[in-house]
Amino acid sequence: DTDVDFVDRKLASIMNATDADLRAIQARGGKLLQYHGWSDPDISPLTSIRYYEKVAQIIGAGANQNRAIEATDDFYRLFLVPGMQHCSGGPGPNTFNKLDVLEQWVEKGFAPDRIVAAHVTNGAVDRTRPLCPYPKQAVYDGSGSIDQAENFTCALPVTN
């Protein structure tokens, strides 16, 4: 317990990404691409969702939830990866080019509305799936293989 307390006292301010006030990054035109595996055994993906929602509350202060998310999406996108474990691996589609996506956004202004991820077994791609910016999720179109990303769209979850 004392080691953890010591580390928190000495390093928390520079090591912990808990400050959700990203207005300075937004004001400088910065872009933040975050991803988190739904099957992460180390850190719950719900922590990333809560962080994103805190950022949206700050960025969209006084706006309704949809407008807050739109304002946040201008510079920060969270992608949740089904079946991915801690940063990679797992049974889901966990291979995608994060740097290329970020480069397209920063250098060419193409914000990622969808990232195609692949699952590879024995060196061969056996499944692709779109990763959608939170709060959207991949929805099967109802035709074609469920192992091909082109048969999915990104949509807001249906709430009852």
N, C-alpha and C. Protein backbone atom coordinates (compact mmCIF):
# COMPACT_ATOMS: atom_id res chain seq x y z
N ASP A 1 0.81 -1.20 0.00
CA ASP A 1 0.00 0.00 0.00
C ASP A 1 0.85 1.26 0.00
N THR A 2 1.97 1.24 0.72
CA THR A 2 2.78 2.45 0.79
C THR A 2 3.45 2.75 -0.55
N ASP A 3 3.81 1.72 -1.31
CA ASP A 3 4.41 1.94 -2.63
C ASP A 3 3.43 2.63 -3.56
N VAL A 4 2.18 2.15 -3.56
CA VAL A 4 1.16 2.75 -4.42
C VAL A 4 0.92 4.20 -4.00
N ASP A 5 0.81 4.45 -2.70
CA ASP A 5 0.60 5.83 -2.23
C ASP A 5 1.76 6.72 -2.62
N PHE A 6 2.99 6.22 -2.50
CA PHE A 6 4.17 6.99 -2.86
C PHE A 6 4.15 7.35 -4.35
N VAL A 7 3.89 6.35 -5.18
CA VAL A 7 3.85 6.58 -6.62
C VAL A 7 2.74 7.59 -6.97
N ASP A 8 1.57 7.43 -6.38
CA ASP A 8 0.48 8.38 -6.64
C ASP A 8 0.86 9.80 -6.24
N ARG A 9 1.49 9.96 -5.09
CA ARG A 9 1.87 11.30 -4.65
C ARG A 9 2.92 11.92 -5.58
N LYS A 10 3.87 11.12 -6.01
CA LYS A 10 4.99 11.65 -6.80
C LYS A 10 4.72 11.72 -8.30
N LEU A 11 3.95 10.78 -8.84
CA LEU A 11 3.85 10.67 -10.29
C LEU A 11 2.45 10.85 -10.86
N ALA A 12 1.44 10.86 -10.04
CA ALA A 12 0.06 10.90 -10.55
C ALA A 12 -0.18 12.07 -11.48
N SER A 13 0.33 13.23 -11.15
CA SER A 13 0.05 14.41 -11.97
C SER A 13 0.62 14.31 -13.38
N ILE A 14 1.67 13.51 -13.56
CA ILE A 14 2.23 13.38 -14.91
C ILE A 14 1.92 12.04 -15.57
N MET A 15 1.51 11.04 -14.79
CA MET A 15 1.27 9.71 -15.35
C MET A 15 -0.20 9.38 -15.57
N ASN A 16 -1.08 9.92 -14.75
CA ASN A 16 -2.50 9.58 -14.84
C ASN A 16 -3.21 10.51 -15.80
N ALA A 17 -3.94 9.93 -16.74
CA ALA A 17 -4.69 10.72 -17.71
C ALA A 17 -6.13 10.85 -17.22
N THR A 18 -6.31 11.67 -16.18
CA THR A 18 -7.64 11.80 -15.59
C THR A 18 -8.24 13.18 -15.78
N ASP A 19 -7.45 14.15 -16.21
CA ASP A 19 -7.96 15.50 -16.41
C ASP A 19 -8.75 15.54 -17.72
N ALA A 20 -10.04 15.74 -17.61
CA ALA A 20 -10.91 15.73 -18.80
C ALA A 20 -11.06 17.10 -19.45
N ASP A 21 -10.37 18.09 -18.95
CA ASP A 21 -10.44 19.42 -19.56
C ASP A 21 -9.43 19.50 -20.70
N LEU A 22 -9.89 19.18 -21.88
CA LEU A 22 -9.02 19.16 -23.06
C LEU A 22 -9.21 20.40 -23.93
N ARG A 23 -9.73 21.47 -23.36
CA ARG A 23 -9.97 22.69 -24.14
C ARG A 23 -8.69 23.26 -24.73
N ALA A 24 -7.57 23.12 -24.04
CA ALA A 24 -6.31 23.65 -24.58
C ALA A 24 -5.91 22.88 -25.84
N ILE A 25 -6.09 21.57 -25.84
CA ILE A 25 -5.79 20.76 -27.04
C ILE A 25 -6.73 21.17 -28.17
N GLN A 26 -7.99 21.32 -27.85
CA GLN A 26 -8.99 21.71 -28.85
C GLN A 26 -8.64 23.09 -29.43
N ALA A 27 -8.29 24.04 -28.57
CA ALA A 27 -7.99 25.40 -29.01
C ALA A 27 -6.78 25.45 -29.94
N ARG A 28 -5.82 24.57 -29.75
CA ARG A 28 -4.62 24.53 -30.61
C ARG A 28 -4.85 23.74 -31.89
N GLY A 29 -6.06 23.20 -32.06
CA GLY A 29 -6.33 22.42 -33.25
C GLY A 29 -5.82 21.00 -33.17
N GLY A 30 -5.51 20.54 -31.96
CA GLY A 30 -5.00 19.19 -31.78
C GLY A 30 -6.06 18.14 -32.06
N LYS A 31 -5.62 16.94 -32.28
CA LYS A 31 -6.50 15.79 -32.53
C LYS A 31 -6.11 14.67 -31.58
N LEU A 32 -7.10 14.00 -31.02
CA LEU A 32 -6.85 12.89 -30.10
C LEU A 32 -7.65 11.69 -30.58
N LEU A 33 -6.94 10.61 -30.86
CA LEU A 33 -7.54 9.35 -31.28
C LEU A 33 -7.28 8.35 -30.15
N GLN A 34 -8.35 7.87 -29.52
CA GLN A 34 -8.23 6.92 -28.43
C GLN A 34 -8.94 5.64 -28.82
N TYR A 35 -8.37 4.51 -28.44
CA TYR A 35 -9.05 3.24 -28.65
C TYR A 35 -8.93 2.40 -27.38
N HIS A 36 -9.89 1.51 -27.20
CA HIS A 36 -9.89 0.67 -26.01
C HIS A 36 -10.58 -0.64 -26.36
N GLY A 37 -10.00 -1.74 -25.95
CA GLY A 37 -10.58 -3.06 -26.23
C GLY A 37 -11.71 -3.39 -25.26
N TRP A 38 -12.81 -3.86 -25.82
CA TRP A 38 -13.94 -4.28 -24.98
C TRP A 38 -13.57 -5.46 -24.09
N SER A 39 -12.56 -6.25 -24.46
CA SER A 39 -12.17 -7.42 -23.67
C SER A 39 -10.89 -7.17 -22.87
N ASP A 40 -10.59 -5.93 -22.61
CA ASP A 40 -9.39 -5.56 -21.84
C ASP A 40 -9.51 -6.11 -20.42
N PRO A 41 -8.63 -7.04 -20.02
CA PRO A 41 -8.73 -7.59 -18.67
C PRO A 41 -8.05 -6.71 -17.62
N ASP A 42 -7.30 -5.71 -18.04
CA ASP A 42 -6.54 -4.87 -17.11
C ASP A 42 -7.27 -3.59 -16.72
N ILE A 43 -7.84 -2.91 -17.69
CA ILE A 43 -8.53 -1.64 -17.44
C ILE A 43 -9.90 -1.73 -18.11
N SER A 44 -10.93 -1.48 -17.36
CA SER A 44 -12.28 -1.57 -17.92
C SER A 44 -12.48 -0.55 -19.02
N PRO A 45 -13.09 -0.96 -20.14
CA PRO A 45 -13.39 0.02 -21.20
C PRO A 45 -14.38 1.09 -20.72
N LEU A 46 -15.09 0.80 -19.65
CA LEU A 46 -16.02 1.80 -19.11
C LEU A 46 -15.28 3.03 -18.59
N THR A 47 -13.99 2.88 -18.20
CA THR A 47 -13.22 4.05 -17.77
C THR A 47 -12.99 4.98 -18.95
N SER A 48 -12.76 4.44 -20.13
CA SER A 48 -12.58 5.29 -21.32
C SER A 48 -13.88 5.96 -21.71
N ILE A 49 -14.99 5.25 -21.58
CA ILE A 49 -16.29 5.84 -21.90
C ILE A 49 -16.59 6.98 -20.92
N ARG A 50 -16.36 6.74 -19.64
CA ARG A 50 -16.60 7.80 -18.65
C ARG A 50 -15.71 9.01 -18.92
N TYR A 51 -14.46 8.78 -19.27
CA TYR A 51 -13.54 9.88 -19.57
C TYR A 51 -14.06 10.67 -20.78
N TYR A 52 -14.43 9.98 -21.84
CA TYR A 52 -14.95 10.64 -23.04
C TYR A 52 -16.17 11.50 -22.68
N GLU A 53 -17.07 10.94 -21.89
CA GLU A 53 -18.28 11.67 -21.52
C GLU A 53 -17.97 12.89 -20.66
N LYS A 54 -16.95 12.79 -19.79
CA LYS A 54 -16.53 13.97 -19.00
C LYS A 54 -15.98 15.05 -19.92
N VAL A 55 -15.16 14.64 -20.90
CA VAL A 55 -14.63 15.61 -21.86
C VAL A 55 -15.78 16.30 -22.59
N ALA A 56 -16.76 15.52 -23.04
CA ALA A 56 -17.91 16.09 -23.76
C ALA A 56 -18.69 17.06 -22.89
N GLN A 57 -18.81 16.76 -21.60
CA GLN A 57 -19.51 17.68 -20.69
C GLN A 57 -18.78 19.02 -20.60
N ILE A 58 -17.46 18.95 -20.52
CA ILE A 58 -16.67 20.19 -20.41
C ILE A 58 -16.69 20.96 -21.73
N ILE A 59 -16.45 20.28 -22.84
CA ILE A 59 -16.39 20.93 -24.14
C ILE A 59 -17.75 21.50 -24.51
N GLY A 60 -18.80 20.77 -24.23
CA GLY A 60 -20.14 21.20 -24.61
C GLY A 60 -20.93 21.79 -23.46
N ALA A 61 -20.25 22.41 -22.50
CA ALA A 61 -20.94 22.97 -21.33
C ALA A 61 -22.10 23.86 -21.77
N GLY A 62 -23.26 23.57 -21.25
CA GLY A 62 -24.46 24.34 -21.58
C GLY A 62 -25.20 23.85 -22.81
N ALA A 63 -24.59 22.94 -23.56
CA ALA A 63 -25.24 22.41 -24.77
C ALA A 63 -25.94 21.09 -24.43
N ASN A 64 -26.84 20.68 -25.31
CA ASN A 64 -27.45 19.37 -25.10
C ASN A 64 -26.42 18.29 -25.41
N GLN A 65 -26.74 17.05 -25.05
CA GLN A 65 -25.77 15.95 -25.17
C GLN A 65 -25.31 15.75 -26.61
N ASN A 66 -26.22 15.83 -27.58
CA ASN A 66 -25.83 15.63 -28.98
C ASN A 66 -24.86 16.70 -29.44
N ARG A 67 -25.12 17.96 -29.08
CA ARG A 67 -24.22 19.05 -29.48
C ARG A 67 -22.87 18.92 -28.78
N ALA A 68 -22.88 18.48 -27.52
CA ALA A 68 -21.63 18.29 -26.78
C ALA A 68 -20.77 17.23 -27.46
N ILE A 69 -21.40 16.15 -27.91
CA ILE A 69 -20.66 15.09 -28.60
C ILE A 69 -20.14 15.59 -29.94
N GLU A 70 -20.94 16.36 -30.67
CA GLU A 70 -20.47 16.91 -31.95
C GLU A 70 -19.26 17.81 -31.74
N ALA A 71 -19.30 18.66 -30.73
CA ALA A 71 -18.17 19.56 -30.45
C ALA A 71 -16.93 18.77 -30.07
N THR A 72 -17.12 17.71 -29.30
CA THR A 72 -16.00 16.87 -28.89
C THR A 72 -15.43 16.11 -30.07
N ASP A 73 -16.30 15.59 -30.93
CA ASP A 73 -15.85 14.81 -32.09
C ASP A 73 -15.02 15.63 -33.08
N ASP A 74 -15.07 16.94 -32.99
CA ASP A 74 -14.24 17.77 -33.86
C ASP A 74 -12.76 17.54 -33.63
N PHE A 75 -12.39 17.10 -32.40
CA PHE A 75 -10.97 16.93 -32.11
C PHE A 75 -10.63 15.64 -31.36
N TYR A 76 -11.63 14.93 -30.86
CA TYR A 76 -11.37 13.74 -30.03
C TYR A 76 -12.36 12.65 -30.39
N ARG A 77 -11.83 11.48 -30.73
CA ARG A 77 -12.68 10.34 -31.06
C ARG A 77 -12.22 9.12 -30.26
N LEU A 78 -13.19 8.43 -29.71
CA LEU A 78 -12.95 7.20 -28.97
C LEU A 78 -13.50 6.03 -29.78
N PHE A 79 -12.68 5.03 -30.00
CA PHE A 79 -13.08 3.83 -30.71
C PHE A 79 -12.97 2.63 -29.77
N LEU A 80 -14.08 1.93 -29.59
CA LEU A 80 -14.11 0.73 -28.76
C LEU A 80 -13.99 -0.48 -29.68
N VAL A 81 -13.07 -1.38 -29.35
CA VAL A 81 -12.72 -2.48 -30.25
C VAL A 81 -13.26 -3.80 -29.69
N PRO A 82 -14.26 -4.40 -30.36
CA PRO A 82 -14.86 -5.62 -29.84
C PRO A 82 -13.86 -6.78 -29.83
N GLY A 83 -13.78 -7.45 -28.68
CA GLY A 83 -12.92 -8.62 -28.57
C GLY A 83 -11.44 -8.33 -28.40
N MET A 84 -11.03 -7.05 -28.43
CA MET A 84 -9.62 -6.75 -28.26
C MET A 84 -9.29 -6.69 -26.77
N GLN A 85 -8.12 -7.21 -26.43
CA GLN A 85 -7.68 -7.20 -25.04
C GLN A 85 -6.92 -5.91 -24.76
N HIS A 86 -5.92 -5.94 -23.92
CA HIS A 86 -5.22 -4.72 -23.51
C HIS A 86 -4.28 -4.24 -24.62
N CYS A 87 -4.74 -3.28 -25.39
CA CYS A 87 -4.01 -2.63 -26.49
C CYS A 87 -3.88 -3.47 -27.76
N SER A 88 -4.06 -4.79 -27.66
CA SER A 88 -4.00 -5.65 -28.85
C SER A 88 -4.40 -7.06 -28.45
N GLY A 89 -4.43 -7.94 -29.43
CA GLY A 89 -4.73 -9.33 -29.17
C GLY A 89 -6.19 -9.59 -28.84
N GLY A 90 -6.51 -10.85 -28.69
CA GLY A 90 -7.88 -11.23 -28.37
C GLY A 90 -8.59 -11.79 -29.58
N PRO A 91 -9.82 -12.27 -29.37
CA PRO A 91 -10.56 -12.93 -30.44
C PRO A 91 -11.21 -11.97 -31.44
N GLY A 92 -11.19 -10.71 -31.18
CA GLY A 92 -11.85 -9.75 -32.07
C GLY A 92 -10.92 -9.14 -33.08
N PRO A 93 -11.45 -8.31 -33.97
CA PRO A 93 -10.64 -7.62 -34.97
C PRO A 93 -9.81 -6.53 -34.30
N ASN A 94 -8.53 -6.80 -34.11
CA ASN A 94 -7.70 -5.91 -33.29
C ASN A 94 -6.51 -5.32 -34.02
N THR A 95 -6.46 -5.48 -35.33
CA THR A 95 -5.34 -4.95 -36.11
C THR A 95 -5.85 -3.84 -37.02
N PHE A 96 -5.33 -2.63 -36.81
CA PHE A 96 -5.68 -1.49 -37.66
C PHE A 96 -4.58 -0.46 -37.57
N ASN A 97 -4.46 0.37 -38.61
CA ASN A 97 -3.38 1.33 -38.70
C ASN A 97 -3.78 2.64 -38.03
N LYS A 98 -3.47 2.75 -36.76
CA LYS A 98 -3.84 3.93 -35.98
C LYS A 98 -3.13 5.19 -36.49
N LEU A 99 -1.86 5.04 -36.84
CA LEU A 99 -1.08 6.19 -37.26
C LEU A 99 -1.60 6.77 -38.57
N ASP A 100 -1.96 5.91 -39.52
CA ASP A 100 -2.50 6.39 -40.80
C ASP A 100 -3.81 7.14 -40.58
N VAL A 101 -4.66 6.61 -39.71
CA VAL A 101 -5.94 7.26 -39.41
C VAL A 101 -5.70 8.65 -38.83
N LEU A 102 -4.79 8.74 -37.86
CA LEU A 102 -4.49 10.02 -37.23
C LEU A 102 -3.83 10.99 -38.23
N GLU A 103 -2.96 10.48 -39.06
CA GLU A 103 -2.30 11.30 -40.08
C GLU A 103 -3.32 11.89 -41.07
N GLN A 104 -4.28 11.09 -41.50
CA GLN A 104 -5.33 11.58 -42.41
C GLN A 104 -6.15 12.69 -41.76
N TRP A 105 -6.40 12.55 -40.47
CA TRP A 105 -7.19 13.54 -39.74
C TRP A 105 -6.41 14.84 -39.55
N VAL A 106 -5.17 14.72 -39.11
CA VAL A 106 -4.35 15.90 -38.82
C VAL A 106 -3.92 16.61 -40.10
N GLU A 107 -3.42 15.87 -41.06
CA GLU A 107 -2.81 16.48 -42.23
C GLU A 107 -3.80 16.78 -43.36
N LYS A 108 -4.88 16.01 -43.45
CA LYS A 108 -5.80 16.19 -44.56
C LYS A 108 -7.21 16.57 -44.13
N GLY A 109 -7.46 16.58 -42.83
CA GLY A 109 -8.77 16.99 -42.32
C GLY A 109 -9.86 15.94 -42.42
N PHE A 110 -9.48 14.66 -42.68
CA PHE A 110 -10.47 13.59 -42.79
C PHE A 110 -10.66 12.93 -41.42
N ALA A 111 -11.67 13.38 -40.70
CA ALA A 111 -11.95 12.82 -39.38
C ALA A 111 -12.44 11.38 -39.53
N PRO A 112 -11.96 10.49 -38.69
CA PRO A 112 -12.33 9.08 -38.84
C PRO A 112 -13.77 8.80 -38.39
N ASP A 113 -14.64 8.49 -39.34
CA ASP A 113 -16.02 8.12 -39.04
C ASP A 113 -16.15 6.60 -38.94
N ARG A 114 -15.07 5.91 -39.30
CA ARG A 114 -15.08 4.45 -39.32
C ARG A 114 -13.64 4.02 -39.56
N ILE A 115 -13.22 3.02 -38.83
CA ILE A 115 -11.89 2.44 -39.03
C ILE A 115 -12.11 0.95 -39.25
N VAL A 116 -11.55 0.40 -40.32
CA VAL A 116 -11.70 -1.03 -40.56
C VAL A 116 -10.56 -1.75 -39.84
N ALA A 117 -10.94 -2.67 -38.97
CA ALA A 117 -9.98 -3.48 -38.23
C ALA A 117 -10.08 -4.93 -38.72
N ALA A 118 -8.99 -5.64 -38.57
CA ALA A 118 -8.95 -7.03 -39.03
C ALA A 118 -8.56 -7.96 -37.90
N HIS A 119 -9.02 -9.18 -38.00
CA HIS A 119 -8.55 -10.25 -37.14
C HIS A 119 -7.73 -11.17 -38.04
N VAL A 120 -6.56 -11.54 -37.57
CA VAL A 120 -5.64 -12.35 -38.36
C VAL A 120 -5.37 -13.66 -37.64
N THR A 121 -5.51 -14.77 -38.36
CA THR A 121 -5.18 -16.09 -37.83
C THR A 121 -4.16 -16.74 -38.77
N ASN A 122 -3.06 -17.17 -38.22
CA ASN A 122 -1.99 -17.81 -39.00
C ASN A 122 -1.58 -16.96 -40.20
N GLY A 123 -1.50 -15.65 -40.01
CA GLY A 123 -1.05 -14.74 -41.05
C GLY A 123 -2.09 -14.34 -42.08
N ALA A 124 -3.32 -14.84 -41.95
CA ALA A 124 -4.37 -14.52 -42.92
C ALA A 124 -5.54 -13.81 -42.23
N VAL A 125 -6.05 -12.79 -42.90
CA VAL A 125 -7.21 -12.07 -42.38
C VAL A 125 -8.43 -12.97 -42.48
N ASP A 126 -9.11 -13.21 -41.36
CA ASP A 126 -10.31 -14.05 -41.38
C ASP A 126 -11.57 -13.30 -40.98
N ARG A 127 -11.41 -12.04 -40.59
CA ARG A 127 -12.58 -11.22 -40.25
C ARG A 127 -12.19 -9.75 -40.27
N THR A 128 -13.06 -8.93 -40.81
CA THR A 128 -12.90 -7.48 -40.69
C THR A 128 -14.17 -6.91 -40.09
N ARG A 129 -14.03 -5.80 -39.44
CA ARG A 129 -15.19 -5.19 -38.79
C ARG A 129 -14.90 -3.69 -38.69
N PRO A 130 -15.93 -2.86 -38.87
CA PRO A 130 -15.70 -1.43 -38.68
C PRO A 130 -15.66 -1.10 -37.20
N LEU A 131 -14.74 -0.23 -36.84
CA LEU A 131 -14.74 0.37 -35.51
C LEU A 131 -15.42 1.72 -35.67
N CYS A 132 -16.32 2.03 -34.79
CA CYS A 132 -17.13 3.24 -34.91
C CYS A 132 -16.80 4.21 -33.80
N PRO A 133 -16.83 5.52 -34.08
CA PRO A 133 -16.56 6.48 -33.01
C PRO A 133 -17.70 6.47 -31.98
N TYR A 134 -17.32 6.38 -30.72
CA TYR A 134 -18.30 6.38 -29.63
C TYR A 134 -19.15 7.64 -29.71
N PRO A 135 -20.45 7.54 -29.55
CA PRO A 135 -21.24 6.43 -29.03
C PRO A 135 -21.81 5.51 -30.10
N LYS A 136 -21.39 5.66 -31.35
CA LYS A 136 -21.90 4.77 -32.40
C LYS A 136 -21.31 3.38 -32.24
N GLN A 137 -21.99 2.41 -32.87
CA GLN A 137 -21.51 1.04 -32.84
C GLN A 137 -21.79 0.39 -34.19
N ALA A 138 -21.06 -0.68 -34.48
CA ALA A 138 -21.24 -1.40 -35.74
C ALA A 138 -22.56 -2.17 -35.71
N VAL A 139 -23.34 -2.01 -36.78
CA VAL A 139 -24.63 -2.68 -36.90
C VAL A 139 -24.64 -3.46 -38.22
N TYR A 140 -24.93 -4.74 -38.12
CA TYR A 140 -24.98 -5.60 -39.30
C TYR A 140 -26.13 -5.17 -40.19
N ASP A 141 -25.86 -5.05 -41.50
CA ASP A 141 -26.88 -4.61 -42.47
C ASP A 141 -27.92 -5.68 -42.77
N GLY A 142 -27.64 -6.93 -42.42
CA GLY A 142 -28.61 -7.99 -42.64
C GLY A 142 -28.34 -8.86 -43.84
N SER A 143 -27.32 -8.54 -44.61
CA SER A 143 -26.98 -9.39 -45.75
C SER A 143 -25.47 -9.45 -45.90
N GLY A 144 -25.01 -10.54 -46.47
CA GLY A 144 -23.58 -10.73 -46.64
C GLY A 144 -22.95 -11.35 -45.40
N SER A 145 -21.68 -11.61 -45.50
CA SER A 145 -20.96 -12.27 -44.42
C SER A 145 -20.80 -11.36 -43.21
N ILE A 146 -20.98 -11.94 -42.02
CA ILE A 146 -20.74 -11.17 -40.80
C ILE A 146 -19.25 -11.01 -40.52
N ASP A 147 -18.42 -11.60 -41.38
CA ASP A 147 -16.98 -11.48 -41.23
C ASP A 147 -16.38 -10.42 -42.15
N GLN A 148 -17.23 -9.61 -42.79
CA GLN A 148 -16.74 -8.57 -43.70
C GLN A 148 -17.28 -7.20 -43.27
N ALA A 149 -16.36 -6.26 -43.07
CA ALA A 149 -16.72 -4.93 -42.57
C ALA A 149 -17.72 -4.19 -43.45
N GLU A 150 -17.69 -4.45 -44.77
CA GLU A 150 -18.58 -3.71 -45.66
C GLU A 150 -20.06 -4.03 -45.44
N ASN A 151 -20.35 -5.06 -44.65
CA ASN A 151 -21.73 -5.42 -44.36
C ASN A 151 -22.25 -4.82 -43.06
N PHE A 152 -21.52 -3.84 -42.55
CA PHE A 152 -21.88 -3.16 -41.31
C PHE A 152 -21.90 -1.64 -41.53
N THR A 153 -22.74 -0.96 -40.78
CA THR A 153 -22.74 0.50 -40.76
C THR A 153 -22.51 0.94 -39.31
N CYS A 154 -22.09 2.17 -39.15
CA CYS A 154 -21.94 2.75 -37.82
C CYS A 154 -23.22 3.53 -37.51
N ALA A 155 -23.84 3.20 -36.38
CA ALA A 155 -25.10 3.85 -36.01
C ALA A 155 -25.17 4.01 -34.50
N LEU A 156 -25.98 4.97 -34.09
CA LEU A 156 -26.23 5.14 -32.66
C LEU A 156 -27.02 3.95 -32.15
N PRO A 157 -26.75 3.51 -30.94
CA PRO A 157 -27.49 2.37 -30.39
C PRO A 157 -28.96 2.72 -30.22
N VAL A 158 -29.80 1.73 -30.42
CA VAL A 158 -31.23 1.91 -30.25
C VAL A 158 -31.54 1.81 -28.77
N THR A 159 -32.24 2.80 -28.25
CA THR A 159 -32.63 2.78 -26.83
C THR A 159 -34.14 2.63 -26.73
N ASN A 160 -34.58 1.88 -25.78
CA ASN A 160 -36.01 1.66 -25.58
C ASN A 160 -36.53 2.49 -24.43
